[in-house]
All heavy atoms as atom14 arrays in JSON, in Angstrom:
{
  "sequence": "GIEIITSGVRPKQAKMLHELNLPLQVSFIHSLQQAIAKYCT",
  "atom14_mask": [
    [1, 1, 1, 1, 0, 0, 0, 0, 0, 0, 0, 0, 0, 0],
    [1, 1, 1, 1, 1, 1, 1, 1, 0, 0, 0, 0, 0, 0],
    [1, 1, 1, 1, 1, 1, 1, 1, 1, 0, 0, 0, 0, 0],
    [1, 1, 1, 1, 1, 1, 1, 1, 0, 0, 0, 0, 0, 0],
    [1, 1, 1, 1, 1, 1, 1, 1, 0, 0, 0, 0, 0, 0],
    [1, 1, 1, 1, 1, 1, 1, 0, 0, 0, 0, 0, 0, 0],
    [1, 1, 1, 1, 1, 1, 0, 0, 0, 0, 0, 0, 0, 0],
    [1, 1, 1, 1, 0, 0, 0, 0, 0, 0, 0, 0, 0, 0],
    [1, 1, 1, 1, 1, 1, 1, 0, 0, 0, 0, 0, 0, 0],
    [1, 1, 1, 1, 1, 1, 1, 1, 1, 1, 1, 0, 0, 0],
    [1, 1, 1, 1, 1, 1, 1, 0, 0, 0, 0, 0, 0, 0],
    [1, 1, 1, 1, 1, 1, 1, 1, 1, 0, 0, 0, 0, 0],
    [1, 1, 1, 1, 1, 1, 1, 1, 1, 0, 0, 0, 0, 0],
    [1, 1, 1, 1, 1, 0, 0, 0, 0, 0, 0, 0, 0, 0],
    [1, 1, 1, 1, 1, 1, 1, 1, 1, 0, 0, 0, 0, 0],
    [1, 1, 1, 1, 1, 1, 1, 1, 0, 0, 0, 0, 0, 0],
    [1, 1, 1, 1, 1, 1, 1, 1, 0, 0, 0, 0, 0, 0],
    [1, 1, 1, 1, 1, 1, 1, 1, 1, 1, 0, 0, 0, 0],
    [1, 1, 1, 1, 1, 1, 1, 1, 1, 0, 0, 0, 0, 0],
    [1, 1, 1, 1, 1, 1, 1, 1, 0, 0, 0, 0, 0, 0],
    [1, 1, 1, 1, 1, 1, 1, 1, 0, 0, 0, 0, 0, 0],
    [1, 1, 1, 1, 1, 1, 1, 1, 0, 0, 0, 0, 0, 0],
    [1, 1, 1, 1, 1, 1, 1, 0, 0, 0, 0, 0, 0, 0],
    [1, 1, 1, 1, 1, 1, 1, 1, 0, 0, 0, 0, 0, 0],
    [1, 1, 1, 1, 1, 1, 1, 1, 1, 0, 0, 0, 0, 0],
    [1, 1, 1, 1, 1, 1, 1, 0, 0, 0, 0, 0, 0, 0],
    [1, 1, 1, 1, 1, 1, 0, 0, 0, 0, 0, 0, 0, 0],
    [1, 1, 1, 1, 1, 1, 1, 1, 1, 1, 1, 0, 0, 0],
    [1, 1, 1, 1, 1, 1, 1, 1, 0, 0, 0, 0, 0, 0],
    [1, 1, 1, 1, 1, 1, 1, 1, 1, 1, 0, 0, 0, 0],
    [1, 1, 1, 1, 1, 1, 0, 0, 0, 0, 0, 0, 0, 0],
    [1, 1, 1, 1, 1, 1, 1, 1, 0, 0, 0, 0, 0, 0],
    [1, 1, 1, 1, 1, 1, 1, 1, 1, 0, 0, 0, 0, 0],
    [1, 1, 1, 1, 1, 1, 1, 1, 1, 0, 0, 0, 0, 0],
    [1, 1, 1, 1, 1, 0, 0, 0, 0, 0, 0, 0, 0, 0],
    [1, 1, 1, 1, 1, 1, 1, 1, 0, 0, 0, 0, 0, 0],
    [1, 1, 1, 1, 1, 0, 0, 0, 0, 0, 0, 0, 0, 0],
    [1, 1, 1, 1, 1, 1, 1, 1, 1, 0, 0, 0, 0, 0],
    [1, 1, 1, 1, 1, 1, 1, 1, 1, 1, 1, 1, 0, 0],
    [1, 1, 1, 1, 1, 1, 0, 0, 0, 0, 0, 0, 0, 0],
    [1, 1, 1, 1, 1, 1, 1, 0, 0, 0, 0, 0, 0, 0]
  ],
  "atom14_positions": [
    [[32.06, -127.52, 75.18], [33.1, -126.86, 76.01], [33.1, -127.38, 77.5], [33.78, -126.63, 78.26], [0.0, 0.0, 0.0], [0.0, 0.0, 0.0], [0.0, 0.0, 0.0], [0.0, 0.0, 0.0], [0.0, 0.0, 0.0], [0.0, 0.0, 0.0], [0.0, 0.0, 0.0], [0.0, 0.0, 0.0], [0.0, 0.0, 0.0], [0.0, 0.0, 0.0]],
    [[32.65, -128.49, 77.71], [32.6, -129.02, 79.12], [33.9, -129.78, 79.31], [34.26, -130.52, 78.51], [31.39, -129.89, 79.39], [30.07, -129.02, 79.25], [31.5, -130.62, 80.72], [28.81, -129.77, 79.3], [0.0, 0.0, 0.0], [0.0, 0.0, 0.0], [0.0, 0.0, 0.0], [0.0, 0.0, 0.0], [0.0, 0.0, 0.0], [0.0, 0.0, 0.0]],
    [[34.57, -129.53, 80.42], [35.76, -130.33, 80.74], [35.33, -131.68, 81.16], [34.47, -131.87, 82.1], [36.49, -129.66, 81.82], [37.83, -130.38, 82.25], [38.62, -129.68, 83.28], [38.16, -128.77, 83.83], [39.77, -130.2, 83.51], [0.0, 0.0, 0.0], [0.0, 0.0, 0.0], [0.0, 0.0, 0.0], [0.0, 0.0, 0.0], [0.0, 0.0, 0.0]],
    [[35.99, -132.67, 80.63], [35.66, -134.08, 80.86], [36.79, -134.85, 81.69], [37.86, -134.86, 81.01], [35.18, -134.84, 79.55], [34.01, -134.12, 78.82], [34.8, -136.31, 79.91], [33.94, -134.37, 77.43], [0.0, 0.0, 0.0], [0.0, 0.0, 0.0], [0.0, 0.0, 0.0], [0.0, 0.0, 0.0], [0.0, 0.0, 0.0], [0.0, 0.0, 0.0]],
    [[36.47, -135.45, 82.76], [37.34, -136.19, 83.53], [36.91, -137.58, 83.76], [35.62, -137.71, 84.13], [37.66, -135.49, 84.84], [38.22, -134.06, 84.66], [38.69, -136.36, 85.65], [37.26, -133.07, 84.91], [0.0, 0.0, 0.0], [0.0, 0.0, 0.0], [0.0, 0.0, 0.0], [0.0, 0.0, 0.0], [0.0, 0.0, 0.0], [0.0, 0.0, 0.0]],
    [[37.72, -138.66, 83.55], [37.23, -139.98, 83.78], [38.14, -140.54, 84.93], [39.36, -140.28, 84.86], [37.29, -140.86, 82.55], [38.62, -140.83, 82.07], [36.24, -140.34, 81.61], [0.0, 0.0, 0.0], [0.0, 0.0, 0.0], [0.0, 0.0, 0.0], [0.0, 0.0, 0.0], [0.0, 0.0, 0.0], [0.0, 0.0, 0.0], [0.0, 0.0, 0.0]],
    [[37.6, -141.33, 85.76], [38.21, -141.91, 86.84], [37.98, -143.26, 86.84], [36.88, -143.74, 86.65], [38.24, -141.18, 88.16], [36.91, -141.37, 88.61], [0.0, 0.0, 0.0], [0.0, 0.0, 0.0], [0.0, 0.0, 0.0], [0.0, 0.0, 0.0], [0.0, 0.0, 0.0], [0.0, 0.0, 0.0], [0.0, 0.0, 0.0], [0.0, 0.0, 0.0]],
    [[38.87, -144.16, 87.62], [38.53, -145.51, 88.07], [38.52, -146.49, 86.77], [37.84, -147.49, 86.9], [0.0, 0.0, 0.0], [0.0, 0.0, 0.0], [0.0, 0.0, 0.0], [0.0, 0.0, 0.0], [0.0, 0.0, 0.0], [0.0, 0.0, 0.0], [0.0, 0.0, 0.0], [0.0, 0.0, 0.0], [0.0, 0.0, 0.0], [0.0, 0.0, 0.0]],
    [[39.06, -146.15, 85.76], [39.05, -146.88, 84.57], [39.81, -148.16, 84.65], [40.99, -147.98, 84.95], [39.36, -146.08, 83.18], [39.22, -146.94, 82.0], [38.33, -144.95, 83.11], [0.0, 0.0, 0.0], [0.0, 0.0, 0.0], [0.0, 0.0, 0.0], [0.0, 0.0, 0.0], [0.0, 0.0, 0.0], [0.0, 0.0, 0.0], [0.0, 0.0, 0.0]],
    [[39.37, -149.23, 84.52], [40.17, -150.59, 84.4], [40.81, -150.69, 83.13], [40.35, -150.22, 82.06], [39.2, -151.79, 84.77], [38.75, -151.62, 86.18], [37.94, -152.84, 86.58], [37.5, -152.79, 87.88], [36.21, -152.78, 88.46], [35.19, -152.96, 87.48], [35.94, -152.6, 89.65], [0.0, 0.0, 0.0], [0.0, 0.0, 0.0], [0.0, 0.0, 0.0]],
    [[41.84, -151.62, 83.07], [42.54, -151.91, 81.77], [41.73, -152.34, 80.65], [41.93, -151.74, 79.56], [43.51, -152.94, 82.19], [43.83, -152.67, 83.63], [42.47, -152.35, 84.2], [0.0, 0.0, 0.0], [0.0, 0.0, 0.0], [0.0, 0.0, 0.0], [0.0, 0.0, 0.0], [0.0, 0.0, 0.0], [0.0, 0.0, 0.0], [0.0, 0.0, 0.0]],
    [[40.73, -153.14, 80.81], [39.97, -153.65, 79.67], [38.99, -152.53, 79.24], [38.83, -152.43, 78.09], [39.03, -154.76, 80.29], [38.26, -155.53, 79.14], [37.54, -156.73, 79.74], [36.63, -157.26, 78.62], [35.97, -158.58, 79.0], [0.0, 0.0, 0.0], [0.0, 0.0, 0.0], [0.0, 0.0, 0.0], [0.0, 0.0, 0.0], [0.0, 0.0, 0.0]],
    [[38.47, -151.66, 80.28], [37.66, -150.55, 79.81], [38.48, -149.61, 79.16], [37.92, -149.02, 78.06], [36.97, -149.96, 81.03], [36.09, -150.82, 81.85], [35.8, -150.41, 83.17], [36.58, -149.54, 83.86], [34.7, -150.88, 83.73], [0.0, 0.0, 0.0], [0.0, 0.0, 0.0], [0.0, 0.0, 0.0], [0.0, 0.0, 0.0], [0.0, 0.0, 0.0]],
    [[39.76, -149.27, 79.59], [40.63, -148.33, 78.89], [40.83, -148.79, 77.47], [40.83, -147.94, 76.59], [41.89, -148.11, 79.61], [0.0, 0.0, 0.0], [0.0, 0.0, 0.0], [0.0, 0.0, 0.0], [0.0, 0.0, 0.0], [0.0, 0.0, 0.0], [0.0, 0.0, 0.0], [0.0, 0.0, 0.0], [0.0, 0.0, 0.0], [0.0, 0.0, 0.0]],
    [[41.14, -150.04, 77.17], [41.28, -150.45, 75.86], [40.04, -150.24, 75.06], [40.25, -149.63, 73.75], [41.53, -151.96, 75.91], [41.87, -152.57, 74.52], [42.35, -154.06, 74.62], [42.58, -154.5, 73.27], [42.76, -155.96, 73.11], [0.0, 0.0, 0.0], [0.0, 0.0, 0.0], [0.0, 0.0, 0.0], [0.0, 0.0, 0.0], [0.0, 0.0, 0.0]],
    [[38.89, -150.48, 75.51], [37.75, -150.24, 74.68], [37.66, -148.77, 74.46], [37.2, -148.34, 73.32], [36.41, -150.71, 75.46], [36.42, -152.23, 75.46], [34.93, -152.82, 76.54], [33.65, -152.63, 75.42], [0.0, 0.0, 0.0], [0.0, 0.0, 0.0], [0.0, 0.0, 0.0], [0.0, 0.0, 0.0], [0.0, 0.0, 0.0], [0.0, 0.0, 0.0]],
    [[37.76, -147.96, 75.49], [37.71, -146.47, 75.17], [38.71, -145.91, 74.24], [38.35, -145.12, 73.41], [37.76, -145.71, 76.52], [36.69, -145.87, 77.5], [36.97, -145.43, 78.92], [35.43, -145.27, 76.99], [0.0, 0.0, 0.0], [0.0, 0.0, 0.0], [0.0, 0.0, 0.0], [0.0, 0.0, 0.0], [0.0, 0.0, 0.0], [0.0, 0.0, 0.0]],
    [[39.9, -146.6, 74.31], [41.03, -146.09, 73.37], [40.6, -146.41, 71.97], [40.97, -145.68, 71.06], [42.19, -146.76, 73.8], [43.44, -146.38, 72.81], [43.93, -145.24, 72.73], [43.98, -147.24, 71.92], [44.94, -145.28, 71.88], [44.94, -146.42, 71.32], [0.0, 0.0, 0.0], [0.0, 0.0, 0.0], [0.0, 0.0, 0.0], [0.0, 0.0, 0.0]],
    [[39.97, -147.52, 71.79], [39.68, -148.06, 70.43], [38.57, -147.08, 69.78], [38.49, -147.1, 68.51], [39.16, -149.46, 70.35], [40.26, -150.45, 70.66], [39.75, -151.85, 70.98], [38.49, -152.03, 71.04], [40.59, -152.74, 71.14], [0.0, 0.0, 0.0], [0.0, 0.0, 0.0], [0.0, 0.0, 0.0], [0.0, 0.0, 0.0], [0.0, 0.0, 0.0]],
    [[37.92, -146.38, 70.6], [36.77, -145.61, 69.99], [37.16, -144.04, 69.71], [36.27, -143.25, 69.44], [35.65, -145.64, 70.98], [35.0, -146.96, 71.14], [33.99, -147.06, 72.1], [34.49, -147.45, 69.75], [0.0, 0.0, 0.0], [0.0, 0.0, 0.0], [0.0, 0.0, 0.0], [0.0, 0.0, 0.0], [0.0, 0.0, 0.0], [0.0, 0.0, 0.0]],
    [[38.42, -143.67, 70.0], [38.9, -142.44, 69.63], [38.1, -141.38, 70.28], [37.52, -140.48, 69.64], [38.97, -142.15, 68.07], [39.74, -143.11, 67.31], [40.94, -143.43, 67.94], [39.35, -143.62, 66.23], [0.0, 0.0, 0.0], [0.0, 0.0, 0.0], [0.0, 0.0, 0.0], [0.0, 0.0, 0.0], [0.0, 0.0, 0.0], [0.0, 0.0, 0.0]],
    [[38.34, -141.24, 71.6], [37.6, -140.19, 72.38], [38.41, -138.82, 71.97], [39.5, -138.86, 71.59], [37.85, -140.4, 73.91], [36.91, -141.49, 74.51], [37.46, -141.77, 76.01], [35.43, -141.07, 74.41], [0.0, 0.0, 0.0], [0.0, 0.0, 0.0], [0.0, 0.0, 0.0], [0.0, 0.0, 0.0], [0.0, 0.0, 0.0], [0.0, 0.0, 0.0]],
    [[37.63, -137.64, 72.15], [38.29, -136.39, 71.92], [39.72, -136.3, 72.79], [39.55, -136.92, 74.01], [37.34, -135.37, 72.47], [36.06, -136.04, 72.36], [36.32, -137.43, 72.54], [0.0, 0.0, 0.0], [0.0, 0.0, 0.0], [0.0, 0.0, 0.0], [0.0, 0.0, 0.0], [0.0, 0.0, 0.0], [0.0, 0.0, 0.0], [0.0, 0.0, 0.0]],
    [[40.69, -135.72, 72.27], [42.03, -135.79, 73.01], [41.88, -135.03, 74.31], [42.8, -135.17, 75.15], [43.08, -135.2, 72.06], [43.28, -135.99, 70.88], [44.4, -135.29, 69.92], [43.85, -137.31, 71.13], [0.0, 0.0, 0.0], [0.0, 0.0, 0.0], [0.0, 0.0, 0.0], [0.0, 0.0, 0.0], [0.0, 0.0, 0.0], [0.0, 0.0, 0.0]],
    [[41.01, -134.13, 74.48], [41.01, -133.3, 75.67], [40.28, -134.09, 76.8], [40.13, -133.5, 77.8], [40.26, -132.0, 75.41], [41.06, -131.03, 74.62], [41.1, -131.34, 73.0], [40.32, -132.29, 72.57], [41.88, -130.69, 72.34], [0.0, 0.0, 0.0], [0.0, 0.0, 0.0], [0.0, 0.0, 0.0], [0.0, 0.0, 0.0], [0.0, 0.0, 0.0]],
    [[39.93, -135.21, 76.73], [39.49, -136.02, 77.83], [40.61, -136.32, 78.76], [41.57, -136.85, 78.42], [38.67, -137.33, 77.37], [38.2, -138.15, 78.48], [37.49, -136.91, 76.5], [0.0, 0.0, 0.0], [0.0, 0.0, 0.0], [0.0, 0.0, 0.0], [0.0, 0.0, 0.0], [0.0, 0.0, 0.0], [0.0, 0.0, 0.0], [0.0, 0.0, 0.0]],
    [[40.39, -135.9, 80.08], [41.42, -136.36, 81.12], [41.07, -137.68, 81.72], [39.99, -137.77, 82.17], [41.41, -135.15, 82.09], [41.78, -133.93, 81.41], [0.0, 0.0, 0.0], [0.0, 0.0, 0.0], [0.0, 0.0, 0.0], [0.0, 0.0, 0.0], [0.0, 0.0, 0.0], [0.0, 0.0, 0.0], [0.0, 0.0, 0.0], [0.0, 0.0, 0.0]],
    [[42.14, -138.35, 82.1], [41.91, -139.54, 82.92], [42.69, -139.37, 84.24], [43.88, -138.84, 84.27], [42.61, -140.82, 82.02], [41.67, -141.08, 80.95], [41.82, -140.64, 79.72], [40.82, -142.04, 81.16], [41.11, -140.95, 78.62], [39.89, -142.51, 80.06], [40.08, -141.82, 78.82], [0.0, 0.0, 0.0], [0.0, 0.0, 0.0], [0.0, 0.0, 0.0]],
    [[42.16, -139.82, 85.24], [42.7, -139.78, 86.47], [42.45, -141.06, 87.25], [41.47, -141.78, 86.98], [42.21, -138.62, 87.41], [43.1, -138.22, 88.64], [40.78, -138.88, 87.87], [42.85, -136.82, 89.21], [0.0, 0.0, 0.0], [0.0, 0.0, 0.0], [0.0, 0.0, 0.0], [0.0, 0.0, 0.0], [0.0, 0.0, 0.0], [0.0, 0.0, 0.0]],
    [[43.44, -141.52, 88.14], [43.42, -142.93, 88.66], [42.18, -143.19, 89.39], [41.62, -144.19, 89.22], [44.64, -142.99, 89.47], [44.77, -144.36, 90.06], [44.95, -145.58, 89.21], [44.69, -144.96, 91.37], [44.94, -146.58, 89.96], [44.82, -146.28, 91.32], [0.0, 0.0, 0.0], [0.0, 0.0, 0.0], [0.0, 0.0, 0.0], [0.0, 0.0, 0.0]],
    [[41.75, -142.38, 90.4], [40.76, -142.67, 91.26], [39.72, -141.64, 91.47], [40.13, -140.46, 91.25], [41.27, -143.23, 92.67], [41.85, -142.19, 93.32], [0.0, 0.0, 0.0], [0.0, 0.0, 0.0], [0.0, 0.0, 0.0], [0.0, 0.0, 0.0], [0.0, 0.0, 0.0], [0.0, 0.0, 0.0], [0.0, 0.0, 0.0], [0.0, 0.0, 0.0]],
    [[38.62, -141.97, 92.04], [37.71, -141.01, 92.48], [38.06, -139.98, 93.49], [38.0, -138.78, 93.45], [36.37, -141.55, 92.78], [35.22, -140.69, 93.23], [34.83, -139.61, 92.08], [34.03, -141.34, 93.63], [0.0, 0.0, 0.0], [0.0, 0.0, 0.0], [0.0, 0.0, 0.0], [0.0, 0.0, 0.0], [0.0, 0.0, 0.0], [0.0, 0.0, 0.0]],
    [[38.85, -140.53, 94.46], [39.5, -139.81, 95.5], [40.41, -138.83, 95.0], [40.45, -137.6, 95.53], [40.21, -140.75, 96.47], [40.7, -140.03, 97.66], [41.4, -141.03, 98.62], [41.65, -142.29, 98.31], [41.76, -140.57, 99.82], [0.0, 0.0, 0.0], [0.0, 0.0, 0.0], [0.0, 0.0, 0.0], [0.0, 0.0, 0.0], [0.0, 0.0, 0.0]],
    [[41.3, -139.19, 93.99], [42.18, -138.1, 93.56], [41.45, -137.06, 92.69], [41.84, -135.95, 92.61], [43.19, -138.8, 92.48], [44.21, -139.76, 93.32], [45.09, -140.42, 92.32], [44.84, -140.66, 91.17], [46.24, -140.89, 92.79], [0.0, 0.0, 0.0], [0.0, 0.0, 0.0], [0.0, 0.0, 0.0], [0.0, 0.0, 0.0], [0.0, 0.0, 0.0]],
    [[40.38, -137.42, 92.01], [39.69, -136.5, 91.18], [38.88, -135.48, 92.18], [39.0, -134.33, 91.86], [38.58, -137.22, 90.45], [0.0, 0.0, 0.0], [0.0, 0.0, 0.0], [0.0, 0.0, 0.0], [0.0, 0.0, 0.0], [0.0, 0.0, 0.0], [0.0, 0.0, 0.0], [0.0, 0.0, 0.0], [0.0, 0.0, 0.0], [0.0, 0.0, 0.0]],
    [[38.42, -135.99, 93.28], [37.69, -135.03, 94.14], [38.81, -134.06, 94.85], [38.48, -132.95, 95.02], [37.1, -135.81, 95.26], [35.79, -136.58, 94.73], [36.63, -135.02, 96.49], [35.15, -137.59, 95.67], [0.0, 0.0, 0.0], [0.0, 0.0, 0.0], [0.0, 0.0, 0.0], [0.0, 0.0, 0.0], [0.0, 0.0, 0.0], [0.0, 0.0, 0.0]],
    [[39.97, -134.72, 95.22], [41.05, -133.86, 95.89], [41.46, -132.74, 94.84], [41.79, -131.65, 95.2], [42.2, -134.66, 96.24], [0.0, 0.0, 0.0], [0.0, 0.0, 0.0], [0.0, 0.0, 0.0], [0.0, 0.0, 0.0], [0.0, 0.0, 0.0], [0.0, 0.0, 0.0], [0.0, 0.0, 0.0], [0.0, 0.0, 0.0], [0.0, 0.0, 0.0]],
    [[41.51, -133.19, 93.51], [41.99, -132.18, 92.72], [40.95, -131.09, 92.16], [41.32, -129.92, 91.96], [42.63, -132.92, 91.36], [43.2, -132.04, 90.24], [43.75, -132.78, 89.15], [44.45, -131.88, 88.25], [45.15, -132.7, 87.19], [0.0, 0.0, 0.0], [0.0, 0.0, 0.0], [0.0, 0.0, 0.0], [0.0, 0.0, 0.0], [0.0, 0.0, 0.0]],
    [[39.79, -131.52, 91.96], [38.76, -130.72, 91.36], [37.72, -130.14, 92.28], [37.01, -129.16, 91.95], [38.08, -131.38, 90.11], [38.98, -131.77, 89.08], [39.56, -133.04, 88.95], [39.35, -130.75, 88.22], [40.4, -133.5, 87.93], [40.18, -131.18, 87.11], [40.78, -132.44, 86.93], [41.52, -132.69, 85.94], [0.0, 0.0, 0.0], [0.0, 0.0, 0.0]],
    [[37.68, -130.69, 93.45], [36.52, -130.26, 94.33], [37.02, -129.58, 95.65], [36.14, -129.29, 96.55], [35.72, -131.5, 94.69], [34.84, -132.15, 93.31], [0.0, 0.0, 0.0], [0.0, 0.0, 0.0], [0.0, 0.0, 0.0], [0.0, 0.0, 0.0], [0.0, 0.0, 0.0], [0.0, 0.0, 0.0], [0.0, 0.0, 0.0], [0.0, 0.0, 0.0]],
    [[38.31, -129.38, 95.79], [38.72, -128.67, 97.13], [39.44, -127.47, 96.75], [39.93, -127.26, 95.6], [39.73, -129.67, 97.91], [40.7, -130.05, 97.03], [38.93, -130.77, 98.39], [0.0, 0.0, 0.0], [0.0, 0.0, 0.0], [0.0, 0.0, 0.0], [0.0, 0.0, 0.0], [0.0, 0.0, 0.0], [0.0, 0.0, 0.0], [0.0, 0.0, 0.0]]
  ]
}
């Protein structure tokens, strides 16, 4: 039940992650700065 957020994923890494069928509820955000602004303030 832990919310999972990933940030800073590069295109090649995204392709690898996509091929492995992560749970659909995993959130992706562009940068660490955006993640901190959204979830830590």
